[in-house]
Amino acid sequence: MKRWIFLFALLSSPASAAPVVVFGDSWGSQSATELGAALAAAGLNLTVDNRAIAGTTADQWANISPNALADAVTANPDAQWVWLSVGGNDVVDLHTAGMGGMATARNDTNIRRILDNLYARHPYIRVVMFGYDYTYFVQPNGGQDCPTQANMWFGPGTTQAQINSIFFNQVGQVMAGIDPVYDFATYVPLWGTMQQAGGQQPNAAQPSPVQYMADCIHPNSQGYRNLHDTLVARYWNTPRPTADLVPPAGTICVNQPVNFTGNGTNVITRRWRVDDMAVAGNQPTLAVTFTTPGQHQVQLLTFNVAWSATDTEIINVSPCVDAGVPDTGVLDLGTPDNGVIPDTGVPDNGIIPDAGFPDNGIFPDTGFPDNGIFPDAEVPDTGAPDGGFIILDSGPPLDLGDDWEIGGGCQGMPGAAAWWLLILPGLTRLTLGRRRP
């Protein structure tokens, strides 16, 4: 019952502001202070929000309170990292119940579920895990009879080397397998760290030094500080990435595919965002087609172990359209077309635009197209485009005796039918009058 009261207290705790959230079991709850001290000693101004609860299991966080970690991050407006310490109590519980062989699979499933629930709401939060360090079951310590506990939890005659192997394989190796699955979750193995602090070579068959252990399982304050100094050195004290977003050159038009390039140093992982929407993948270039004109935001995020960098560009997208109906060219001023050359409004067949309705693209005429031979200056005939000739007639055929006047002079045209004239360059006026008898 106490365990669930603590869980409720965590879920209902007030909001806080710290870049590092500690979450999980007793190794987290007991050493958040030492983690903060190690960060400060390394010159990192990163405070710690302790959300871990002693005695909890990965199974509880995954299945009983699956949103607890995501809620803890949501409640912390400055959260950038989570140190996740889970899985050890699951190992003890399952071995005590005679089901130790299930611990590896259970921890793998439950830790993945915890991370899945976290990243569903906080896709860029970084998670660091180190599992544990070697325990101390060789003799009584901290008021506990450690050999008796070892026999009770893991079976009679279980050695320190076997217990070390159990935790290493059923927690550490599980986290090592999870690491490559999540871009922003990192496993930093610290097995043997306290042995090294005590002047020993790491040895998986030996316990951690007694001077760094508070009991059979947990380090004391100095033991935790040794672990966190090492964690900070291997995780936070790493080269920081840079981000350099290179937009395409020139004008960017609506519905025109363009490529953005993401450069940087010390980059392991990239992420892109367009107008605050995440884009899947880790690609160094991003192809974008903007469907609306105006300002758009493109953002490059680069990551390297613990750190990230961001570069943001505000992109002005032009409508790139023509003055009216699109033609066959490339660039116009109103409705967009497919090409380069603007026209004056109504499109022709792509050669020479005319003043109104399209002809066959060679010589523009003065208005309505005729039947293709003799255009008519007054009434249009069949409406088919002409052949590009500039030949006009006067309308209906003329009777004998009509006079034709060209350029102000008179010329009589005898005959029973109309005569046709080709208008030559330089003619200034063509009139028709009937001669009275």
Protein backbone atom coordinates (compact mmCIF):
# COMPACT_ATOMS: atom_id res chain seq x y z
CA MET A 1 0.00 0.00 0.00
CA LYS A 2 2.83 2.39 0.82
CA ARG A 3 4.21 1.95 -2.70
CA TRP A 4 0.98 3.18 -4.33
CA ILE A 5 0.64 6.12 -1.92
CA PHE A 6 4.07 7.21 -3.06
CA LEU A 7 3.06 6.80 -6.70
CA PHE A 8 0.00 9.00 -6.16
CA ALA A 9 2.16 11.59 -4.41
CA LEU A 10 4.49 11.67 -7.41
CA LEU A 11 1.72 12.02 -9.95
CA SER A 12 0.08 14.86 -8.03
CA SER A 13 3.28 16.74 -7.16
CA PRO A 14 3.51 20.39 -8.24
CA ALA A 15 5.34 21.59 -11.32
CA SER A 16 9.04 22.30 -11.05
CA ALA A 17 11.80 23.64 -13.26
CA ALA A 18 15.06 21.74 -13.69
CA PRO A 19 16.85 20.52 -16.81
CA VAL A 20 17.41 16.99 -15.42
CA VAL A 21 14.56 14.77 -14.25
CA VAL A 22 15.46 11.73 -12.12
CA PHE A 23 12.95 8.92 -12.49
CA GLY A 24 12.63 5.33 -11.34
CA ASP A 25 13.63 3.43 -8.20
CA SER A 26 15.76 3.84 -5.07
CA TRP A 27 19.05 4.30 -6.92
CA GLY A 28 17.42 7.39 -8.42
CA SER A 29 15.64 8.69 -5.35
CA GLN A 30 18.70 8.25 -3.11
CA SER A 31 21.25 9.90 -5.38
CA ALA A 32 19.60 12.85 -7.10
CA THR A 33 21.57 15.15 -4.80
CA GLU A 34 24.87 13.49 -5.78
CA LEU A 35 23.97 13.84 -9.46
CA GLY A 36 23.36 17.56 -9.00
CA ALA A 37 26.68 17.94 -7.18
CA ALA A 38 28.54 16.09 -9.93
CA LEU A 39 26.99 18.33 -12.59
CA ALA A 40 27.93 21.46 -10.65
CA ALA A 41 31.48 20.19 -10.10
CA ALA A 42 31.82 19.75 -13.88
CA GLY A 43 30.82 23.38 -14.41
CA LEU A 44 27.36 22.52 -15.75
CA ASN A 45 24.57 24.73 -14.48
CA LEU A 46 21.97 21.94 -14.54
CA THR A 47 19.65 21.46 -11.59
CA VAL A 48 17.87 18.19 -10.83
CA ASP A 49 14.20 17.36 -10.30
CA ASN A 50 13.89 14.13 -8.25
CA ARG A 51 10.81 12.13 -9.33
CA ALA A 52 12.09 8.66 -8.43
CA ILE A 53 10.44 6.46 -5.78
CA ALA A 54 12.26 3.75 -3.84
CA GLY A 55 10.92 0.22 -4.29
CA THR A 56 9.22 0.79 -7.63
CA THR A 57 9.61 -1.54 -10.58
CA ALA A 58 9.71 -1.13 -14.35
CA ASP A 59 6.54 -3.22 -14.45
CA GLN A 60 4.68 -0.68 -12.32
CA TRP A 61 5.85 2.32 -14.30
CA ALA A 62 5.02 0.61 -17.59
CA ASN A 63 1.66 -0.92 -16.73
CA ILE A 64 0.20 0.69 -13.61
CA SER A 65 1.30 4.29 -14.15
CA PRO A 66 2.29 4.37 -17.83
CA ASN A 67 2.04 8.16 -18.15
CA ALA A 68 3.94 9.04 -14.99
CA LEU A 69 7.27 9.80 -16.65
CA ALA A 70 5.68 11.79 -19.47
CA ASP A 71 3.64 13.70 -16.87
CA ALA A 72 6.79 14.43 -14.85
CA VAL A 73 8.45 15.90 -17.92
CA THR A 74 5.33 17.87 -18.84
CA ALA A 75 5.24 19.33 -15.33
CA ASN A 76 8.85 20.47 -15.70
CA PRO A 77 9.08 23.31 -18.23
CA ASP A 78 12.90 23.17 -18.34
CA ALA A 79 13.28 19.39 -18.69
CA GLN A 80 15.85 18.33 -21.29
CA TRP A 81 17.15 15.05 -19.83
CA VAL A 82 15.86 12.10 -17.85
CA TRP A 83 18.08 9.80 -15.84
CA LEU A 84 16.08 6.56 -15.77
CA SER A 85 16.89 3.96 -13.11
CA VAL A 86 14.60 0.92 -13.33
CA GLY A 87 14.67 -2.86 -13.55
CA GLY A 88 16.55 -3.90 -10.40
CA ASN A 89 13.49 -4.47 -8.24
CA ASP A 90 11.90 -6.49 -11.05
CA VAL A 91 14.95 -8.78 -11.00
CA VAL A 92 14.71 -9.29 -7.23
CA ASP A 93 10.94 -9.83 -7.26
CA LEU A 94 10.99 -12.37 -10.11
CA HIS A 95 13.95 -14.34 -8.71
CA THR A 96 12.35 -14.42 -5.26
CA ALA A 97 9.18 -15.81 -6.85
CA GLY A 98 11.20 -18.47 -8.69
CA MET A 99 10.66 -16.78 -12.07
CA GLY A 100 14.10 -15.28 -12.53
CA GLY A 101 14.32 -16.62 -16.06
CA MET A 102 11.59 -14.18 -17.11
CA ALA A 103 13.37 -11.06 -15.86
CA THR A 104 15.26 -10.24 -19.06
CA ALA A 105 12.20 -10.34 -21.31
CA ARG A 106 10.02 -8.54 -18.78
CA ASN A 107 12.50 -5.71 -18.32
CA ASP A 108 12.98 -5.34 -22.06
CA THR A 109 9.25 -5.07 -22.67
CA ASN A 110 8.57 -2.74 -19.76
CA ILE A 111 11.47 -0.33 -20.30
CA ARG A 112 10.53 0.00 -23.97
CA ARG A 113 6.94 0.70 -22.96
CA ILE A 114 8.09 3.41 -20.56
CA LEU A 115 10.14 5.04 -23.31
CA ASP A 116 7.39 4.69 -25.90
CA ASN A 117 4.92 6.46 -23.62
CA LEU A 118 7.48 9.20 -22.93
CA TYR A 119 8.45 9.82 -26.56
CA ALA A 120 4.85 9.85 -27.73
CA ARG A 121 4.54 13.18 -25.92
CA HIS A 122 8.14 14.40 -25.71
CA PRO A 123 9.91 13.26 -28.88
CA TYR A 124 13.18 15.12 -28.25
CA ILE A 125 13.76 14.51 -24.54
CA ARG A 126 17.10 12.75 -23.91
CA VAL A 127 17.17 9.72 -21.61
CA VAL A 128 20.34 8.35 -20.04
CA MET A 129 20.51 4.94 -18.32
CA PHE A 130 23.41 3.16 -16.65
CA GLY A 131 21.67 0.27 -14.94
CA TYR A 132 23.57 -0.23 -11.70
CA ASP A 133 27.00 -1.14 -10.40
CA TYR A 134 28.05 -4.38 -8.71
CA THR A 135 26.33 -5.16 -5.41
CA TYR A 136 27.74 -6.41 -2.09
CA PHE A 137 26.48 -9.80 -0.83
CA VAL A 138 29.63 -11.33 0.62
CA GLN A 139 29.07 -10.38 4.30
CA PRO A 140 26.75 -8.36 6.53
CA ASN A 141 26.67 -4.66 5.75
CA GLY A 142 24.61 -1.71 6.96
CA GLY A 143 22.75 -3.85 9.49
CA GLN A 144 21.73 -6.39 6.84
CA ASP A 145 22.82 -10.01 6.61
CA CYS A 146 23.71 -9.88 2.94
CA PRO A 147 24.56 -13.60 2.42
CA THR A 148 21.17 -14.56 3.92
CA GLN A 149 19.39 -12.10 1.65
CA ALA A 150 21.26 -13.47 -1.35
CA ASN A 151 20.08 -17.00 -0.54
CA MET A 152 16.50 -15.78 -0.02
CA TRP A 153 16.32 -13.77 -3.22
CA PHE A 154 18.42 -15.80 -5.62
CA GLY A 155 18.51 -19.25 -4.10
CA PRO A 156 20.83 -21.07 -1.67
CA GLY A 157 24.51 -20.97 -2.51
CA THR A 158 24.28 -18.10 -5.02
CA THR A 159 27.68 -16.42 -5.29
CA GLN A 160 28.61 -12.79 -5.71
CA ALA A 161 29.79 -13.50 -9.25
CA GLN A 162 26.39 -15.01 -10.11
CA ILE A 163 24.51 -12.07 -8.64
CA ASN A 164 26.72 -9.63 -10.58
CA SER A 165 25.98 -11.57 -13.75
CA ILE A 166 22.23 -11.57 -13.07
CA PHE A 167 22.01 -7.77 -12.74
CA PHE A 168 24.43 -7.15 -15.60
CA ASN A 169 22.50 -9.36 -18.01
CA GLN A 170 18.93 -8.75 -16.90
CA VAL A 171 19.26 -4.97 -16.56
CA GLY A 172 22.49 -3.72 -18.16
CA GLN A 173 22.35 -5.82 -21.29
CA VAL A 174 18.66 -5.09 -21.68
CA MET A 175 19.44 -1.36 -21.68
CA ALA A 176 22.31 -1.92 -24.10
CA GLY A 177 19.86 -3.57 -26.51
CA ILE A 178 17.35 -0.76 -26.13
CA ASP A 179 19.90 2.02 -26.75
CA PRO A 180 20.09 1.70 -30.57
CA VAL A 181 16.31 1.51 -30.92
CA TYR A 182 15.75 5.08 -29.64
CA ASP A 183 17.69 8.00 -31.10
CA PHE A 184 17.53 9.97 -27.86
CA ALA A 185 18.00 7.23 -25.26
CA THR A 186 21.60 6.39 -24.29
CA TYR A 187 23.00 3.56 -22.22
CA VAL A 188 26.24 4.42 -20.38
CA PRO A 189 27.55 1.26 -18.63
CA LEU A 190 29.19 2.02 -15.28
CA TRP A 191 29.83 -1.53 -14.06
CA GLY A 192 33.01 -1.61 -11.96
CA THR A 193 33.07 2.16 -11.37
CA MET A 194 33.16 1.84 -7.57
CA GLN A 195 35.86 -0.83 -7.82
CA GLN A 196 37.96 1.60 -9.85
CA ALA A 197 37.30 4.37 -7.31
CA GLY A 198 38.66 2.00 -4.64
CA GLY A 199 41.83 1.37 -6.63
CA GLN A 200 40.80 -2.00 -8.12
CA GLN A 201 40.50 -3.22 -11.66
CA PRO A 202 36.86 -3.85 -12.58
CA ASN A 203 36.06 -7.47 -11.83
CA ALA A 204 32.64 -8.97 -12.56
CA ALA A 205 33.24 -11.74 -10.00
CA GLN A 206 33.82 -9.35 -7.07
CA PRO A 207 31.58 -7.01 -5.07
CA SER A 208 31.87 -3.24 -5.03
CA PRO A 209 34.15 -2.03 -2.19
CA VAL A 210 32.40 -2.11 1.18
CA GLN A 211 33.44 1.49 1.93
CA TYR A 212 31.15 2.68 -0.87
CA MET A 213 28.13 0.53 0.04
CA ALA A 214 25.31 1.46 2.42
CA ASP A 215 23.84 -2.06 2.41
CA CYS A 216 23.79 -5.16 0.21
CA ILE A 217 22.31 -3.35 -2.81
CA HIS A 218 22.70 0.41 -2.46
CA PRO A 219 25.82 2.59 -2.48
CA ASN A 220 26.35 5.24 0.16
CA SER A 221 26.67 8.94 -0.69
CA GLN A 222 30.31 8.61 -1.72
CA GLY A 223 29.57 5.57 -3.85
CA TYR A 224 26.80 7.41 -5.64
CA ARG A 225 29.08 10.42 -6.14
CA ASN A 226 31.69 8.16 -7.76
CA LEU A 227 29.06 6.85 -10.12
CA HIS A 228 27.69 10.26 -11.03
CA ASP A 229 31.10 11.86 -11.54
CA THR A 230 31.75 9.11 -14.07
CA LEU A 231 28.30 9.46 -15.67
CA VAL A 232 28.74 13.22 -16.09
CA ALA A 233 32.20 12.74 -17.60
CA ARG A 234 31.01 10.13 -20.12
CA TYR A 235 27.65 11.60 -20.99
CA TRP A 236 27.41 15.35 -20.39
CA ASN A 237 31.09 16.25 -20.86
CA THR A 238 31.11 15.31 -24.54
CA PRO A 239 31.60 17.55 -27.62
CA ARG A 240 28.54 19.62 -28.35
CA PRO A 241 27.10 19.64 -31.86
CA THR A 242 26.53 22.63 -34.11
CA ALA A 243 23.68 23.17 -36.55
CA ASP A 244 23.89 25.01 -39.88
CA LEU A 245 20.74 25.04 -41.99
CA VAL A 246 21.37 26.02 -45.64
CA PRO A 247 18.22 27.11 -47.54
CA PRO A 248 17.92 26.91 -51.34
CA ALA A 249 19.19 29.90 -53.32
CA GLY A 250 16.89 32.27 -55.19
CA THR A 251 13.13 32.69 -55.12
CA ILE A 252 11.08 29.85 -53.65
CA CYS A 253 7.71 29.47 -55.38
CA VAL A 254 4.49 27.81 -54.28
CA ASN A 255 4.30 24.15 -55.34
CA GLN A 256 7.97 24.14 -56.33
CA PRO A 257 10.06 21.34 -54.71
CA VAL A 258 13.16 22.72 -52.98
CA ASN A 259 15.94 21.17 -50.88
CA PHE A 260 17.33 22.31 -47.54
CA THR A 261 20.72 21.08 -46.33
CA GLY A 262 21.58 20.38 -42.69
CA ASN A 263 25.26 20.78 -41.86
CA GLY A 264 27.03 20.73 -38.51
CA THR A 265 29.89 19.35 -36.45
CA ASN A 266 29.84 16.53 -33.89
CA VAL A 267 26.43 15.45 -35.22
CA ILE A 268 25.09 11.96 -34.55
CA THR A 269 21.38 12.52 -35.20
CA ARG A 270 19.39 15.15 -37.13
CA ARG A 271 15.76 16.10 -36.95
CA TRP A 272 13.76 18.57 -39.06
CA ARG A 273 10.66 20.61 -38.34
CA VAL A 274 8.58 22.54 -40.89
CA ASP A 275 6.09 25.05 -39.53
CA ASP A 276 6.39 23.39 -36.09
CA MET A 277 5.59 19.94 -37.49
CA ALA A 278 8.18 17.19 -37.01
CA VAL A 279 9.54 15.46 -40.10
CA ALA A 280 10.50 11.81 -39.69
CA GLY A 281 14.00 10.60 -40.50
CA ASN A 282 17.64 11.45 -39.90
CA GLN A 283 18.47 12.72 -43.40
CA PRO A 284 21.09 15.47 -44.04
CA THR A 285 18.86 17.05 -46.70
CA LEU A 286 15.16 17.83 -46.60
CA ALA A 287 12.89 18.14 -49.67
CA VAL A 288 9.96 20.51 -49.12
CA THR A 289 7.11 21.72 -51.33
CA PHE A 290 5.27 24.70 -49.88
CA THR A 291 1.62 24.83 -50.95
CA THR A 292 0.82 28.33 -49.67
CA PRO A 293 2.63 31.65 -50.17
CA GLY A 294 3.96 33.76 -47.31
CA GLN A 295 6.34 33.06 -44.43
CA HIS A 296 7.23 29.50 -43.43
CA GLN A 297 9.62 28.20 -40.74
CA VAL A 298 12.16 25.44 -41.30
CA GLN A 299 14.18 24.19 -38.34
CA LEU A 300 17.20 21.87 -38.13
CA LEU A 301 17.98 20.11 -34.83
CA THR A 302 21.27 18.26 -34.37
CA PHE A 303 22.13 15.90 -31.50
CA ASN A 304 25.27 14.33 -30.10
CA VAL A 305 24.94 12.08 -27.02
CA ALA A 306 23.65 14.52 -24.40
CA TRP A 307 23.50 17.79 -26.30
CA SER A 308 21.61 19.42 -29.14
CA ALA A 309 21.81 22.50 -31.34
CA THR A 310 19.19 24.29 -33.43
CA ASP A 311 19.19 26.51 -36.51
CA THR A 312 15.99 28.10 -37.77
CA GLU A 313 15.24 29.85 -41.08
CA ILE A 314 12.18 31.94 -41.94
CA ILE A 315 11.38 31.29 -45.61
CA ASN A 316 9.42 33.70 -47.81
CA VAL A 317 7.45 31.74 -50.40
CA SER A 318 6.32 33.65 -53.51
CA PRO A 319 3.14 32.92 -55.47
CA CYS A 320 5.20 33.19 -58.73
CA VAL A 321 2.09 33.69 -60.95
CA ASP A 322 1.00 35.63 -64.09
CA ALA A 323 -1.53 38.34 -64.78
CA GLY A 324 -4.37 36.04 -65.69
CA VAL A 325 -4.65 32.72 -67.49
CA PRO A 326 -1.45 30.63 -67.55
CA ASP A 327 0.42 30.06 -70.78
CA THR A 328 3.04 27.53 -71.81
CA GLY A 329 5.99 29.47 -70.43
CA VAL A 330 7.71 29.43 -67.05
CA LEU A 331 7.10 32.52 -64.96
CA ASP A 332 4.06 34.84 -65.05
CA LEU A 333 2.45 37.40 -62.83
CA GLY A 334 -1.00 35.98 -62.06
CA THR A 335 -2.20 32.41 -62.21
CA PRO A 336 0.86 30.11 -62.11
CA ASP A 337 1.93 28.33 -65.24
CA ASN A 338 4.71 25.83 -65.94
CA GLY A 339 7.30 28.09 -67.31
CA VAL A 340 9.44 31.10 -68.01
CA ILE A 341 7.90 33.80 -70.19
CA PRO A 342 4.95 35.91 -69.06
CA ASP A 343 2.19 36.81 -71.51
CA THR A 344 -0.34 39.67 -71.59
CA GLY A 345 -3.40 37.74 -70.50
CA VAL A 346 -5.14 35.21 -72.73
CA PRO A 347 -2.71 32.56 -73.97
CA ASP A 348 -2.02 31.79 -77.61
CA ASN A 349 -0.28 28.69 -78.93
CA GLY A 350 3.04 29.65 -77.41
CA ILE A 351 4.67 31.66 -80.25
CA ILE A 352 3.43 35.25 -80.44
CA PRO A 353 0.56 36.57 -78.31
CA ASP A 354 -2.00 38.75 -80.09
CA ALA A 355 -4.16 41.62 -78.91
CA GLY A 356 -7.25 39.56 -78.15
CA PHE A 357 -8.42 36.20 -79.37
CA PRO A 358 -5.68 33.80 -80.44
CA ASP A 359 -4.76 33.21 -84.07
CA ASN A 360 -2.39 30.57 -85.38
CA GLY A 361 0.58 32.17 -83.72
CA ILE A 362 2.20 33.90 -86.72
CA PHE A 363 0.57 37.27 -87.44
CA PRO A 364 -1.87 38.86 -85.05
CA ASP A 365 -5.07 40.17 -86.64
CA THR A 366 -7.30 43.05 -85.58
CA GLY A 367 -10.06 41.18 -83.86
CA PHE A 368 -12.20 38.19 -84.70
CA PRO A 369 -10.63 35.45 -86.83
CA ASP A 370 -12.15 34.73 -90.24
CA ASN A 371 -12.27 31.62 -92.45
CA GLY A 372 -8.54 31.53 -93.00
CA ILE A 373 -8.30 33.30 -96.42
CA PHE A 374 -9.91 36.76 -96.57
CA PRO A 375 -10.46 38.35 -93.19
CA ASP A 376 -13.36 40.71 -92.95
CA ALA A 377 -13.08 44.14 -91.35
CA GLU A 378 -16.76 44.37 -90.48
CA VAL A 379 -18.59 41.09 -89.94
CA PRO A 380 -16.76 37.86 -89.05
CA ASP A 381 -17.55 34.76 -91.07
CA THR A 382 -16.89 31.14 -90.00
CA GLY A 383 -14.56 31.96 -87.12
CA ALA A 384 -11.62 29.81 -88.14
CA PRO A 385 -8.18 31.40 -87.75
CA ASP A 386 -6.60 32.81 -90.90
CA GLY A 387 -3.29 31.85 -92.43
CA GLY A 388 -1.52 34.91 -91.31
CA PHE A 389 -2.29 37.09 -94.38
CA ILE A 390 -3.35 40.69 -93.92
CA ILE A 391 -6.02 40.80 -96.70
CA LEU A 392 -9.28 42.62 -96.21
CA ASP A 393 -12.47 42.76 -98.35
CA SER A 394 -15.25 45.27 -98.20
CA GLY A 395 -18.05 42.94 -97.30
CA PRO A 396 -20.65 41.85 -99.93
CA PRO A 397 -19.70 41.57 -103.64
CA LEU A 398 -20.06 44.84 -105.67
CA ASP A 399 -22.09 45.58 -108.87
CA LEU A 400 -20.62 46.88 -112.10
CA GLY A 401 -19.96 50.56 -111.91
CA ASP A 402 -18.74 50.75 -108.39
CA ASP A 403 -15.87 53.11 -107.83
CA TRP A 404 -12.91 52.24 -105.67
CA GLU A 405 -10.89 55.03 -104.14
CA ILE A 406 -7.34 54.34 -103.02
CA GLY A 407 -5.35 56.96 -101.14
CA GLY A 408 -7.77 59.76 -102.07
CA GLY A 409 -7.94 59.07 -105.83
CA CYS A 410 -10.72 57.41 -107.84
CA GLN A 411 -10.51 54.33 -109.89
CA GLY A 412 -13.42 52.85 -111.82
CA MET A 413 -13.71 49.14 -111.83
CA PRO A 414 -15.89 47.80 -114.65
CA GLY A 415 -17.21 44.30 -114.59
CA ALA A 416 -20.11 42.19 -113.39
CA ALA A 417 -18.50 41.04 -110.16
CA ALA A 418 -16.51 42.51 -107.31
CA TRP A 419 -12.81 43.04 -107.73
CA TRP A 420 -10.48 42.16 -104.88
CA LEU A 421 -7.49 44.24 -103.93
CA LEU A 422 -4.47 43.28 -101.93
CA ILE A 423 -3.62 46.00 -99.47
CA LEU A 424 0.02 46.76 -100.03
CA PRO A 425 2.41 48.52 -97.68
CA GLY A 426 2.05 52.29 -97.86
CA LEU A 427 -1.67 52.45 -98.71
CA THR A 428 -3.21 55.06 -96.51
CA ARG A 429 -6.95 54.77 -97.23
CA LEU A 430 -9.35 52.45 -98.94
CA THR A 431 -12.95 53.67 -99.59
CA LEU A 432 -15.82 52.42 -101.68
CA GLY A 433 -18.62 54.48 -103.24
CA ARG A 434 -21.27 53.79 -105.86
CA ARG A 435 -21.16 55.97 -109.02
CA ARG A 436 -24.54 57.39 -109.89
CA PRO A 437 -25.74 56.73 -113.48
